[in-house]
Structures are given as structure tokens and as C-alpha cells.
Amino acid sequence: MKVIVVATRKQDAKPEEFAPYLESEANVALTMYKDEYVREIYSREDGKGAVVVFEADDVEHAKRLFRQLPLAKAGLLEAEFYGTKPYRGIVAQVK
């Protein structure tokens, strides 16, 4: 199942708090990509976080994966998780 995660920097976190984690964040995200848990990852245009598409068993699995990210471990991110399923219009047309 694909799970879309909208991650937002905590409002009370200062930009300099993120700096020590950025390299390890990129390394963990790339490892998850290579392991096929991360399908897509984007920086938000507003600079306030990221959007990640996880390939996971369910939303709880995606939450566990997200918590492995260094910025999440450091408590610098909040996240919304959206499980997905095939769009009904496409499913109806395929049948």
C-alpha cells in the first residue's frame, strides 16, 4: 500500500536545530529508497517540510518507517499520514 506522508517542521524549532541531522536524514532516506520503502520524496516548495510516498504494509508500518528518519527521531517534525487505495474510476474501467 502506498502511504503519503506530509511532514512539517515544528513551528517552535529553529533552523539551526536541523543542520546536524540533514546529512544523516538524506542517507537514511536514500537507504529507504534503495530498499524500496520510499517510492517518492519531495521537499515542500514552502520550505516547511517534505512529502514522502512510502510503500508499506499499512499506515502503522509507514509511521514506524517515518520514525526512523533522524529529523523525526529528534522531534523536529510533525506528520500527517494518508493511506491510499486505487482510484475507483480506474478500477471500474479496468474491469
N, C-alpha and C. Protein backbone atom coordinates (compact mmCIF):
# COMPACT_ATOMS: atom_id res chain seq x y z
N MET A 1 0.85 -1.18 0.00
CA MET A 1 0.00 0.00 0.00
C MET A 1 0.90 1.23 0.00
N LYS A 2 0.49 2.21 -0.74
CA LYS A 2 1.21 3.49 -0.72
C LYS A 2 0.61 4.37 0.38
N VAL A 3 1.50 4.97 1.16
CA VAL A 3 1.09 5.88 2.22
C VAL A 3 1.78 7.21 1.97
N ILE A 4 0.97 8.26 1.84
CA ILE A 4 1.52 9.59 1.62
C ILE A 4 1.69 10.27 2.97
N VAL A 5 2.88 10.80 3.18
CA VAL A 5 3.20 11.47 4.44
C VAL A 5 3.55 12.92 4.14
N VAL A 6 2.85 13.81 4.81
CA VAL A 6 3.15 15.24 4.70
C VAL A 6 3.83 15.62 6.02
N ALA A 7 5.13 15.86 5.93
CA ALA A 7 5.93 16.20 7.10
C ALA A 7 6.10 17.72 7.16
N THR A 8 5.93 18.25 8.36
CA THR A 8 6.03 19.69 8.57
C THR A 8 7.00 19.97 9.72
N ARG A 9 7.88 20.93 9.49
CA ARG A 9 8.80 21.33 10.55
C ARG A 9 7.99 21.90 11.71
N LYS A 10 8.34 21.51 12.92
CA LYS A 10 7.65 22.05 14.08
C LYS A 10 7.89 23.56 14.13
N GLN A 11 6.84 24.31 14.41
CA GLN A 11 6.92 25.77 14.36
C GLN A 11 7.90 26.36 15.35
N ASP A 12 8.07 25.71 16.49
CA ASP A 12 8.97 26.26 17.50
C ASP A 12 10.43 25.85 17.29
N ALA A 13 10.71 25.02 16.28
CA ALA A 13 12.08 24.59 16.01
C ALA A 13 12.82 25.65 15.20
N LYS A 14 14.04 25.90 15.59
CA LYS A 14 14.86 26.90 14.91
C LYS A 14 15.63 26.24 13.75
N PRO A 15 15.86 26.98 12.67
CA PRO A 15 16.56 26.40 11.51
C PRO A 15 17.90 25.74 11.88
N GLU A 16 18.63 26.32 12.80
CA GLU A 16 19.94 25.75 13.16
C GLU A 16 19.82 24.40 13.88
N GLU A 17 18.65 24.08 14.40
CA GLU A 17 18.44 22.78 15.04
C GLU A 17 18.43 21.65 14.01
N PHE A 18 18.11 21.95 12.77
CA PHE A 18 18.02 20.94 11.72
C PHE A 18 19.38 20.57 11.15
N ALA A 19 20.31 21.52 11.13
CA ALA A 19 21.60 21.34 10.46
C ALA A 19 22.33 20.06 10.84
N PRO A 20 22.44 19.70 12.12
CA PRO A 20 23.20 18.50 12.46
C PRO A 20 22.62 17.19 11.91
N TYR A 21 21.37 17.20 11.49
CA TYR A 21 20.68 15.99 11.06
C TYR A 21 20.53 15.86 9.55
N LEU A 22 20.82 16.91 8.80
CA LEU A 22 20.50 16.91 7.37
C LEU A 22 21.23 15.85 6.56
N GLU A 23 22.51 15.64 6.83
CA GLU A 23 23.25 14.63 6.08
C GLU A 23 22.75 13.23 6.41
N SER A 24 22.56 12.95 7.68
CA SER A 24 22.08 11.61 8.04
C SER A 24 20.64 11.41 7.58
N GLU A 25 19.84 12.48 7.56
CA GLU A 25 18.46 12.40 7.04
C GLU A 25 18.48 11.96 5.58
N ALA A 26 19.34 12.58 4.79
CA ALA A 26 19.45 12.23 3.37
C ALA A 26 19.93 10.79 3.21
N ASN A 27 20.88 10.37 4.03
CA ASN A 27 21.40 9.00 3.92
C ASN A 27 20.33 7.97 4.27
N VAL A 28 19.58 8.20 5.32
CA VAL A 28 18.52 7.26 5.71
C VAL A 28 17.43 7.23 4.65
N ALA A 29 17.04 8.40 4.15
CA ALA A 29 16.00 8.46 3.11
C ALA A 29 16.46 7.71 1.85
N LEU A 30 17.71 7.87 1.45
CA LEU A 30 18.22 7.17 0.27
C LEU A 30 18.30 5.67 0.50
N THR A 31 18.66 5.26 1.70
CA THR A 31 18.67 3.83 2.02
C THR A 31 17.26 3.26 1.94
N MET A 32 16.28 3.99 2.46
CA MET A 32 14.89 3.54 2.38
C MET A 32 14.42 3.49 0.92
N TYR A 33 14.93 4.40 0.10
CA TYR A 33 14.60 4.40 -1.33
C TYR A 33 15.18 3.14 -1.99
N LYS A 34 16.45 2.87 -1.70
CA LYS A 34 17.09 1.68 -2.26
C LYS A 34 16.39 0.40 -1.80
N ASP A 35 15.92 0.39 -0.56
CA ASP A 35 15.22 -0.77 0.00
C ASP A 35 13.75 -0.83 -0.44
N GLU A 36 13.35 0.13 -1.26
CA GLU A 36 12.00 0.22 -1.85
C GLU A 36 10.89 0.49 -0.83
N TYR A 37 11.23 1.15 0.27
CA TYR A 37 10.21 1.62 1.20
C TYR A 37 9.76 3.03 0.84
N VAL A 38 10.70 3.83 0.36
CA VAL A 38 10.37 5.18 -0.11
C VAL A 38 10.25 5.10 -1.62
N ARG A 39 9.08 5.45 -2.14
CA ARG A 39 8.85 5.45 -3.59
C ARG A 39 9.15 6.82 -4.19
N GLU A 40 8.77 7.87 -3.45
CA GLU A 40 8.99 9.24 -3.91
C GLU A 40 9.23 10.10 -2.68
N ILE A 41 10.04 11.13 -2.87
CA ILE A 41 10.26 12.08 -1.77
C ILE A 41 10.49 13.45 -2.38
N TYR A 42 9.85 14.44 -1.80
CA TYR A 42 9.91 15.81 -2.30
C TYR A 42 10.13 16.79 -1.15
N SER A 43 10.89 17.83 -1.41
CA SER A 43 10.93 18.96 -0.49
C SER A 43 9.72 19.82 -0.80
N ARG A 44 9.10 20.33 0.24
CA ARG A 44 7.96 21.21 0.01
C ARG A 44 8.44 22.56 -0.50
N GLU A 45 7.73 23.11 -1.45
CA GLU A 45 8.10 24.40 -2.04
C GLU A 45 8.11 25.52 -1.00
N ASP A 46 7.24 25.39 0.02
CA ASP A 46 7.18 26.43 1.05
C ASP A 46 8.33 26.33 2.05
N GLY A 47 9.19 25.31 1.91
CA GLY A 47 10.34 25.17 2.79
C GLY A 47 10.01 24.66 4.18
N LYS A 48 8.80 24.22 4.38
CA LYS A 48 8.36 23.84 5.72
C LYS A 48 8.37 22.34 5.97
N GLY A 49 8.98 21.56 5.06
CA GLY A 49 9.00 20.13 5.29
C GLY A 49 9.15 19.34 4.01
N ALA A 50 8.52 18.15 4.00
CA ALA A 50 8.66 17.25 2.86
C ALA A 50 7.37 16.46 2.66
N VAL A 51 7.27 15.87 1.48
CA VAL A 51 6.19 14.93 1.18
C VAL A 51 6.88 13.63 0.77
N VAL A 52 6.49 12.53 1.42
CA VAL A 52 7.10 11.24 1.17
C VAL A 52 6.00 10.25 0.80
N VAL A 53 6.25 9.44 -0.21
CA VAL A 53 5.35 8.34 -0.55
C VAL A 53 6.06 7.06 -0.13
N PHE A 54 5.52 6.41 0.90
CA PHE A 54 6.07 5.15 1.38
C PHE A 54 5.33 3.98 0.74
N GLU A 55 6.04 2.91 0.52
CA GLU A 55 5.45 1.61 0.17
C GLU A 55 5.50 0.83 1.48
N ALA A 56 4.33 0.58 2.07
CA ALA A 56 4.28 -0.04 3.39
C ALA A 56 3.12 -1.03 3.45
N ASP A 57 3.14 -1.88 4.47
CA ASP A 57 2.06 -2.84 4.67
C ASP A 57 0.75 -2.13 5.01
N ASP A 58 0.87 -1.05 5.79
CA ASP A 58 -0.29 -0.28 6.23
C ASP A 58 0.22 1.05 6.80
N VAL A 59 -0.68 1.88 7.28
CA VAL A 59 -0.29 3.20 7.81
C VAL A 59 0.63 3.05 9.02
N GLU A 60 0.35 2.08 9.88
CA GLU A 60 1.21 1.89 11.06
C GLU A 60 2.64 1.55 10.65
N HIS A 61 2.80 0.75 9.62
CA HIS A 61 4.13 0.43 9.11
C HIS A 61 4.82 1.69 8.60
N ALA A 62 4.10 2.53 7.88
CA ALA A 62 4.67 3.80 7.40
C ALA A 62 5.08 4.70 8.56
N LYS A 63 4.30 4.70 9.63
CA LYS A 63 4.67 5.50 10.81
C LYS A 63 5.97 5.00 11.41
N ARG A 64 6.14 3.69 11.47
CA ARG A 64 7.38 3.13 12.01
C ARG A 64 8.57 3.51 11.12
N LEU A 65 8.37 3.44 9.81
CA LEU A 65 9.43 3.84 8.89
C LEU A 65 9.77 5.32 9.06
N PHE A 66 8.76 6.16 9.15
CA PHE A 66 8.97 7.59 9.30
C PHE A 66 9.76 7.90 10.57
N ARG A 67 9.45 7.19 11.65
CA ARG A 67 10.13 7.44 12.93
C ARG A 67 11.61 7.08 12.88
N GLN A 68 12.04 6.37 11.85
CA GLN A 68 13.46 6.05 11.68
C GLN A 68 14.26 7.23 11.12
N LEU A 69 13.58 8.20 10.55
CA LEU A 69 14.26 9.37 9.98
C LEU A 69 14.85 10.22 11.11
N PRO A 70 16.10 10.64 10.97
CA PRO A 70 16.76 11.40 12.04
C PRO A 70 15.99 12.66 12.49
N LEU A 71 15.38 13.39 11.57
CA LEU A 71 14.64 14.59 11.98
C LEU A 71 13.40 14.23 12.79
N ALA A 72 12.78 13.11 12.45
CA ALA A 72 11.63 12.64 13.22
C ALA A 72 12.09 12.17 14.60
N LYS A 73 13.19 11.42 14.64
CA LYS A 73 13.74 10.95 15.92
C LYS A 73 14.07 12.12 16.84
N ALA A 74 14.55 13.20 16.25
CA ALA A 74 14.93 14.39 17.03
C ALA A 74 13.72 15.21 17.47
N GLY A 75 12.53 14.82 17.01
CA GLY A 75 11.32 15.55 17.40
C GLY A 75 11.14 16.87 16.68
N LEU A 76 11.74 17.01 15.51
CA LEU A 76 11.68 18.27 14.79
C LEU A 76 10.57 18.31 13.74
N LEU A 77 9.89 17.19 13.54
CA LEU A 77 8.85 17.12 12.51
C LEU A 77 7.51 16.65 13.09
N GLU A 78 6.46 17.17 12.50
CA GLU A 78 5.12 16.64 12.71
C GLU A 78 4.71 16.02 11.38
N ALA A 79 3.82 15.04 11.40
CA ALA A 79 3.47 14.39 10.14
C ALA A 79 2.01 13.97 10.11
N GLU A 80 1.46 14.04 8.91
CA GLU A 80 0.12 13.53 8.62
C GLU A 80 0.31 12.35 7.69
N PHE A 81 -0.42 11.27 7.94
CA PHE A 81 -0.29 10.04 7.17
C PHE A 81 -1.61 9.75 6.47
N TYR A 82 -1.52 9.47 5.18
CA TYR A 82 -2.71 9.18 4.38
C TYR A 82 -2.52 7.87 3.63
N GLY A 83 -3.23 6.83 4.06
CA GLY A 83 -3.22 5.58 3.32
C GLY A 83 -3.98 5.76 2.02
N THR A 84 -3.60 5.01 1.01
CA THR A 84 -4.26 5.15 -0.29
C THR A 84 -4.76 3.80 -0.78
N LYS A 85 -5.64 3.86 -1.76
CA LYS A 85 -6.11 2.67 -2.47
C LYS A 85 -6.34 3.09 -3.91
N PRO A 86 -6.48 2.14 -4.81
CA PRO A 86 -6.67 2.51 -6.22
C PRO A 86 -7.90 3.39 -6.41
N TYR A 87 -7.79 4.34 -7.28
CA TYR A 87 -8.90 5.23 -7.61
C TYR A 87 -10.03 4.42 -8.23
N ARG A 88 -11.23 4.59 -7.73
CA ARG A 88 -12.37 3.76 -8.16
C ARG A 88 -12.68 3.91 -9.65
N GLY A 89 -12.44 5.08 -10.22
CA GLY A 89 -12.70 5.29 -11.64
C GLY A 89 -11.82 4.42 -12.52
N ILE A 90 -10.58 4.28 -12.12
CA ILE A 90 -9.67 3.43 -12.88
C ILE A 90 -10.02 1.96 -12.68
N VAL A 91 -10.33 1.60 -11.45
CA VAL A 91 -10.70 0.21 -11.16
C VAL A 91 -11.93 -0.18 -11.97
N ALA A 92 -12.92 0.69 -12.05
CA ALA A 92 -14.15 0.41 -12.80
C ALA A 92 -13.86 0.24 -14.29
N GLN A 93 -12.95 1.03 -14.84
CA GLN A 93 -12.63 0.96 -16.26
C GLN A 93 -11.84 -0.29 -16.62
N VAL A 94 -11.06 -0.80 -15.67
CA VAL A 94 -10.23 -1.97 -15.93
C VAL A 94 -11.08 -3.25 -15.96
N LYS A 95 -12.16 -3.27 -15.20
CA LYS A 95 -13.00 -4.49 -15.13
C LYS A 95 -13.70 -4.79 -16.40
